[in-house]
């Protein structure tokens, strides 16, 4: 950590910069949702890339997102930071818990990214499955946090097979592509986190969101390793339970490898790194991002 503590000044600066980025773009995205589907998919992707730099998040990508669309990305879930991290790597919407639809501010962001809100009551599941299937039929990629809740970042909770029901649907006569994704918070200012520091970013249990976010945003540069594993389909495993077990095994293995330093280091093959503004080589990174955006 810079100075070894959470800086209120750093947290305030990041929050203000994030709001200055976010608020002007909200009506723009609302307009795109009404008029231009392609831009409505593209803007959140560019927004999350810039947002990660503002928030002090260094994203390390291992592997490649699936090229066949639509894709159901199946990931573990440790923090609200998972949203900008994954959003900066794939042009996708999120399958979110129904209660998020009532949260101030965050619900607006979720709706602007066309999130699907899932109510786990049995009376609601059929309609939600149909909504998700319609989105996939429209070639929208979706992100599913298959644990059904957030964990402590040190292990992956069991995946809920009921959430994989949508994978049973075919899209244009072929099985849906499902890609497991591991998200791991590994380093703080370049130093391995360990179990003691990881809860500063992992949000779970009865932690207060405002207090947790304030402390996390006051820390230094966090490195998040995102590993895209081999895509599969439900036909490869025969049932949603077997598919859920496979995805859990692969995602948990990816988290363990990242925590152990086996992936996500500069020597890893197929790796891409984006450094936040203010970090070493930030100027080169910003130039590269600008070149990418202009393309």
Protein backbone atom coordinates (compact mmCIF):
# COMPACT_ATOMS: atom_id res chain seq x y z
CA UNK A 1 0.00 0.00 0.00
CA UNK A 2 1.14 3.56 -0.61
CA UNK A 3 2.08 4.78 2.84
CA UNK A 4 0.76 1.49 4.32
CA UNK A 5 -2.77 2.76 5.00
CA UNK A 6 -6.07 3.69 3.41
CA UNK A 7 -5.97 7.36 2.42
CA UNK A 8 -9.26 9.31 2.70
CA UNK A 9 -7.90 11.86 0.23
CA UNK A 10 -7.20 9.14 -2.33
CA UNK A 11 -10.64 7.64 -1.80
CA UNK A 12 -12.33 11.01 -2.24
CA UNK A 13 -10.35 11.78 -5.39
CA UNK A 14 -11.26 8.44 -6.95
CA UNK A 15 -14.93 8.77 -6.07
CA UNK A 16 -15.15 12.27 -7.53
CA UNK A 17 -13.35 11.27 -10.73
CA UNK A 18 -15.62 8.23 -11.06
CA UNK A 19 -18.72 10.38 -10.67
CA UNK A 20 -17.37 12.93 -13.17
CA UNK A 21 -16.96 10.05 -15.63
CA UNK A 22 -20.27 8.34 -14.84
CA UNK A 23 -22.92 11.03 -14.49
CA UNK A 24 -22.47 12.69 -17.92
CA UNK A 25 -22.50 9.28 -19.63
CA UNK A 26 -25.75 8.09 -18.05
CA UNK A 27 -28.10 10.09 -20.35
CA UNK A 28 -25.88 9.20 -23.32
CA UNK A 29 -26.28 5.49 -22.60
CA UNK A 30 -30.04 5.94 -22.07
CA UNK A 31 -30.24 7.56 -25.51
CA UNK A 32 -28.20 4.73 -27.09
CA UNK A 33 -30.54 2.15 -25.55
CA UNK A 34 -33.41 3.77 -27.43
CA UNK A 35 -31.64 4.39 -30.72
CA UNK A 36 -28.51 2.30 -31.31
CA UNK A 37 -28.04 -1.21 -29.91
CA UNK A 38 -24.42 -1.47 -31.07
CA UNK A 39 -23.38 1.69 -29.26
CA UNK A 40 -25.40 0.66 -26.21
CA UNK A 41 -23.20 -2.45 -26.00
CA UNK A 42 -19.98 -0.59 -26.73
CA UNK A 43 -20.26 2.36 -24.33
CA UNK A 44 -20.32 0.29 -21.08
CA UNK A 45 -17.22 -1.58 -22.27
CA UNK A 46 -15.28 1.67 -22.82
CA UNK A 47 -16.72 3.13 -19.61
CA UNK A 48 -15.57 0.20 -17.46
CA UNK A 49 -12.08 0.29 -18.96
CA UNK A 50 -11.70 3.93 -17.97
CA UNK A 51 -13.42 3.30 -14.64
CA UNK A 52 -10.92 0.62 -13.66
CA UNK A 53 -8.05 3.02 -14.22
CA UNK A 54 -9.73 5.68 -12.09
CA UNK A 55 -10.47 3.22 -9.27
CA UNK A 56 -6.89 1.94 -9.14
CA UNK A 57 -7.61 -1.49 -10.59
CA UNK A 58 -4.94 -3.22 -12.69
CA UNK A 59 -6.64 -5.91 -14.76
CA UNK A 60 -4.58 -8.90 -15.88
CA UNK A 61 -6.29 -11.05 -18.50
CA UNK A 62 -5.25 -14.66 -19.02
CA UNK A 63 -6.74 -16.49 -21.98
CA UNK A 64 -9.28 -15.21 -24.48
CA UNK A 65 -13.03 -14.58 -24.35
CA UNK A 66 -15.04 -16.92 -26.57
CA UNK A 67 -15.47 -15.74 -30.13
CA UNK A 68 -18.83 -17.44 -30.77
CA UNK A 69 -21.78 -15.35 -29.63
CA UNK A 70 -23.91 -15.33 -27.61
CA UNK A 71 -21.86 -16.46 -24.60
CA UNK A 72 -22.85 -17.16 -21.02
CA UNK A 73 -19.79 -16.24 -18.94
CA UNK A 74 -19.88 -18.17 -15.65
CA UNK A 75 -17.71 -16.58 -12.96
CA UNK A 76 -17.01 -16.61 -9.25
CA UNK A 77 -17.97 -13.48 -7.32
CA UNK A 78 -15.92 -11.76 -4.63
CA UNK A 79 -16.66 -8.04 -4.87
CA UNK A 80 -18.70 -5.27 -6.46
CA UNK A 81 -15.41 -4.46 -8.21
CA UNK A 82 -16.03 -7.62 -10.28
CA UNK A 83 -18.52 -5.58 -12.34
CA UNK A 84 -16.08 -3.01 -13.78
CA UNK A 85 -13.32 -5.63 -13.98
CA UNK A 86 -15.35 -8.03 -16.17
CA UNK A 87 -17.12 -5.16 -17.91
CA UNK A 88 -13.74 -3.88 -19.08
CA UNK A 89 -12.98 -7.20 -20.80
CA UNK A 90 -16.26 -8.31 -22.41
CA UNK A 91 -19.21 -6.56 -24.00
CA UNK A 92 -21.84 -8.22 -21.85
CA UNK A 93 -24.71 -7.60 -19.45
CA UNK A 94 -24.96 -9.05 -15.96
CA UNK A 95 -27.48 -11.40 -14.38
CA UNK A 96 -28.05 -9.67 -11.03
CA UNK A 97 -29.98 -10.33 -7.83
CA UNK A 98 -33.44 -8.75 -7.81
CA UNK A 99 -32.71 -6.60 -4.76
CA UNK A 100 -30.07 -4.65 -6.69
CA UNK A 101 -32.90 -3.18 -8.77
CA UNK A 102 -33.91 -1.14 -5.71
CA UNK A 103 -30.45 0.14 -4.72
CA UNK A 104 -29.93 3.89 -5.21
CA UNK A 105 -27.55 4.81 -8.04
CA UNK A 106 -26.24 1.25 -8.58
CA UNK A 107 -29.64 0.15 -9.88
CA UNK A 108 -29.53 2.91 -12.49
CA UNK A 109 -26.10 1.75 -13.66
CA UNK A 110 -27.27 -1.87 -13.79
CA UNK A 111 -30.36 -0.98 -15.81
CA UNK A 112 -28.32 1.15 -18.21
CA UNK A 113 -26.17 -1.91 -18.88
CA UNK A 114 -29.36 -3.94 -19.46
CA UNK A 115 -28.80 -6.24 -16.49
CA UNK A 116 -31.29 -9.07 -15.98
CA UNK A 117 -32.62 -9.06 -12.42
CA UNK A 118 -33.24 -12.53 -11.01
CA UNK A 119 -35.78 -13.23 -8.27
CA UNK A 120 -35.13 -16.70 -6.86
CA UNK A 121 -38.75 -17.30 -5.87
CA UNK A 122 -40.13 -20.27 -7.81
CA UNK A 123 -43.09 -18.24 -9.07
CA UNK A 124 -40.70 -15.90 -10.89
CA UNK A 125 -38.16 -18.32 -12.39
CA UNK A 126 -40.09 -19.22 -15.58
CA UNK A 127 -40.48 -15.60 -16.71
CA UNK A 128 -36.85 -14.84 -15.92
CA UNK A 129 -35.67 -17.86 -17.92
CA UNK A 130 -37.70 -16.59 -20.87
CA UNK A 131 -36.21 -13.09 -20.56
CA UNK A 132 -32.67 -14.46 -20.45
CA UNK A 133 -33.38 -16.76 -23.41
CA UNK A 134 -34.73 -13.79 -25.41
CA UNK A 135 -31.58 -11.80 -24.69
CA UNK A 136 -29.38 -14.68 -25.81
CA UNK A 137 -31.47 -15.12 -28.95
CA UNK A 138 -30.72 -11.45 -29.66
CA UNK A 139 -26.97 -12.34 -29.46
CA UNK A 140 -26.46 -10.56 -26.12
CA UNK A 141 -23.64 -12.02 -24.02
CA UNK A 142 -24.44 -12.41 -20.32
CA UNK A 143 -22.39 -12.81 -17.13
CA UNK A 144 -23.61 -15.20 -14.44
CA UNK A 145 -22.12 -15.18 -10.93
CA UNK A 146 -22.91 -18.83 -10.30
CA UNK A 147 -22.29 -18.90 -6.53
CA UNK A 148 -25.45 -16.85 -6.08
CA UNK A 149 -23.64 -14.59 -3.60
CA UNK A 150 -20.19 -13.10 -3.05
CA UNK A 151 -17.41 -14.91 -1.19
CA UNK A 152 -14.22 -13.99 0.65
CA UNK A 153 -11.99 -14.22 -2.42
CA UNK A 154 -9.90 -17.07 -0.97
CA UNK A 155 -12.10 -19.91 -2.22
CA UNK A 156 -14.99 -20.47 -4.61
CA UNK A 157 -18.37 -21.41 -3.14
CA UNK A 158 -20.39 -24.22 -4.79
CA UNK A 159 -22.18 -23.20 -7.98
CA UNK A 160 -25.98 -23.36 -7.95
CA UNK A 161 -27.05 -25.71 -10.73
CA UNK A 162 -30.51 -24.08 -10.93
CA UNK A 163 -28.85 -20.95 -12.32
CA UNK A 164 -27.61 -23.00 -15.29
CA UNK A 165 -31.13 -23.68 -16.57
CA UNK A 166 -30.67 -21.17 -19.39
CA UNK A 167 -27.79 -23.29 -20.74
CA UNK A 168 -30.37 -25.92 -21.65
CA UNK A 169 -31.79 -23.62 -24.32
CA UNK A 170 -30.46 -23.78 -27.86
CA UNK A 171 -29.65 -20.64 -29.84
CA UNK A 172 -30.32 -20.91 -33.57
CA UNK A 173 -30.31 -24.70 -33.33
CA UNK A 174 -27.02 -25.03 -31.47
CA UNK A 175 -26.20 -25.34 -27.76
CA UNK A 176 -25.33 -22.18 -25.88
CA UNK A 177 -21.62 -21.46 -25.44
CA UNK A 178 -20.70 -21.39 -21.74
CA UNK A 179 -17.30 -20.03 -20.72
CA UNK A 180 -15.99 -20.40 -17.15
CA UNK A 181 -14.12 -17.33 -15.84
CA UNK A 182 -11.94 -17.05 -12.72
CA UNK A 183 -11.63 -13.67 -10.97
CA UNK A 184 -8.87 -13.38 -8.36
CA UNK A 185 -7.63 -10.39 -6.33
CA UNK A 186 -3.93 -11.13 -6.03
CA UNK A 187 -1.76 -8.10 -5.29
CA UNK A 188 -1.82 -4.69 -3.66
CA UNK A 189 0.80 -2.24 -4.91
CA UNK A 190 2.61 -5.19 -6.47
CA UNK A 191 2.83 -7.23 -3.25
CA UNK A 192 0.91 -10.50 -2.75
CA UNK A 193 -2.23 -9.82 -0.69
CA UNK A 194 -2.62 -12.96 1.37
CA UNK A 195 -5.71 -13.78 3.41
CA UNK A 196 -5.36 -10.72 5.64
CA UNK A 197 -5.57 -8.07 2.90
CA UNK A 198 -8.02 -9.74 0.48
CA UNK A 199 -11.13 -8.83 2.58
CA UNK A 200 -10.34 -5.17 1.92
CA UNK A 201 -11.66 -5.89 -1.61
CA UNK A 202 -13.87 -8.95 -1.13
CA UNK A 203 -17.33 -7.91 0.05
CA UNK A 204 -19.37 -10.58 1.78
CA UNK A 205 -21.37 -11.40 4.91
CA UNK A 206 -22.75 -8.38 6.76
CA UNK A 207 -20.10 -5.89 5.59
CA UNK A 208 -21.37 -2.33 5.11
CA UNK A 209 -21.06 -1.34 1.45
CA UNK A 210 -20.30 2.40 1.93
CA UNK A 211 -17.67 1.79 4.63
CA UNK A 212 -16.08 -1.08 2.75
CA UNK A 213 -15.89 0.87 -0.53
CA UNK A 214 -14.46 3.96 1.20
CA UNK A 215 -11.60 1.95 2.73
CA UNK A 216 -10.89 -0.04 -0.44
CA UNK A 217 -10.78 3.06 -2.63
CA UNK A 218 -8.28 4.66 -0.25
CA UNK A 219 -5.75 1.87 -0.79
CA UNK A 220 -3.17 1.58 -3.55
CA UNK A 221 -3.24 -0.30 -6.87
CA UNK A 222 -5.02 -3.66 -6.75
CA UNK A 223 -4.18 -6.37 -9.29
CA UNK A 224 -7.06 -8.56 -10.44
CA UNK A 225 -6.35 -11.67 -12.50
CA UNK A 226 -9.17 -12.71 -14.83
CA UNK A 227 -8.71 -16.09 -16.49
CA UNK A 228 -10.92 -17.16 -19.40
CA UNK A 229 -11.12 -20.96 -19.53
CA UNK A 230 -12.06 -23.27 -22.39
CA UNK A 231 -15.66 -22.73 -23.56
CA UNK A 232 -18.07 -25.69 -23.20
CA UNK A 233 -21.73 -26.51 -23.78
CA UNK A 234 -24.27 -28.49 -21.81
CA UNK A 235 -24.05 -31.20 -24.49
CA UNK A 236 -20.50 -31.88 -23.30
CA UNK A 237 -21.80 -32.87 -19.85
CA UNK A 238 -25.39 -34.01 -20.32
CA UNK A 239 -27.08 -32.07 -17.51
CA UNK A 240 -26.99 -28.65 -15.90
CA UNK A 241 -25.78 -30.22 -12.63
CA UNK A 242 -22.79 -31.80 -14.33
CA UNK A 243 -22.13 -28.56 -16.23
CA UNK A 244 -22.25 -26.56 -12.96
CA UNK A 245 -19.84 -28.99 -11.31
CA UNK A 246 -17.42 -28.74 -14.23
CA UNK A 247 -17.52 -24.94 -14.26
CA UNK A 248 -17.00 -24.82 -10.49
CA UNK A 249 -14.02 -27.17 -10.70
CA UNK A 250 -12.39 -25.14 -13.49
CA UNK A 251 -13.07 -21.73 -11.92
CA UNK A 252 -11.89 -22.87 -8.47
CA UNK A 253 -8.73 -24.27 -10.04
CA UNK A 254 -8.09 -20.95 -11.80
CA UNK A 255 -8.50 -19.02 -8.55
CA UNK A 256 -6.12 -21.40 -6.77
CA UNK A 257 -3.54 -21.03 -9.56
CA UNK A 258 -3.76 -17.23 -9.45
CA UNK A 259 -3.44 -17.15 -5.66
CA UNK A 260 -0.42 -19.44 -5.95
CA UNK A 261 1.23 -17.27 -8.60
CA UNK A 262 0.95 -19.92 -11.32
CA UNK A 263 -0.95 -17.58 -13.65
CA UNK A 264 -1.26 -13.84 -13.88
CA UNK A 265 2.45 -13.02 -13.70
CA UNK A 266 4.25 -11.22 -16.57
CA UNK A 267 5.81 -14.47 -17.82
CA UNK A 268 2.37 -16.07 -18.38
CA UNK A 269 1.43 -16.73 -21.99
CA UNK A 270 -1.69 -15.15 -23.48
CA UNK A 271 -1.65 -12.40 -20.84
CA UNK A 272 -2.75 -8.78 -21.21
CA UNK A 273 -2.20 -6.09 -18.57
CA UNK A 274 -3.80 -2.67 -18.18
CA UNK A 275 -2.32 -0.42 -15.52
CA UNK A 276 -4.35 2.29 -13.77
CA UNK A 277 -3.65 5.95 -14.29
CA UNK A 278 -0.90 7.11 -11.95
CA UNK A 279 0.96 3.80 -11.93
CA UNK A 280 4.28 3.13 -13.59
CA UNK A 281 4.09 3.32 -17.38
CA UNK A 282 0.65 4.93 -17.12
CA UNK A 283 1.46 7.25 -19.99
CA UNK A 284 2.21 4.35 -22.31
CA UNK A 285 -0.91 2.54 -21.18
CA UNK A 286 -3.11 5.59 -21.78
CA UNK A 287 -1.61 6.00 -25.24
CA UNK A 288 -2.27 2.33 -26.03
CA UNK A 289 -5.86 2.63 -24.78
CA UNK A 290 -6.42 5.73 -26.89
CA UNK A 291 -5.09 3.91 -29.96
CA UNK A 292 -7.43 0.99 -29.23
CA UNK A 293 -10.41 3.30 -28.75
CA UNK A 294 -9.77 5.10 -32.00
CA UNK A 295 -9.72 1.76 -33.79
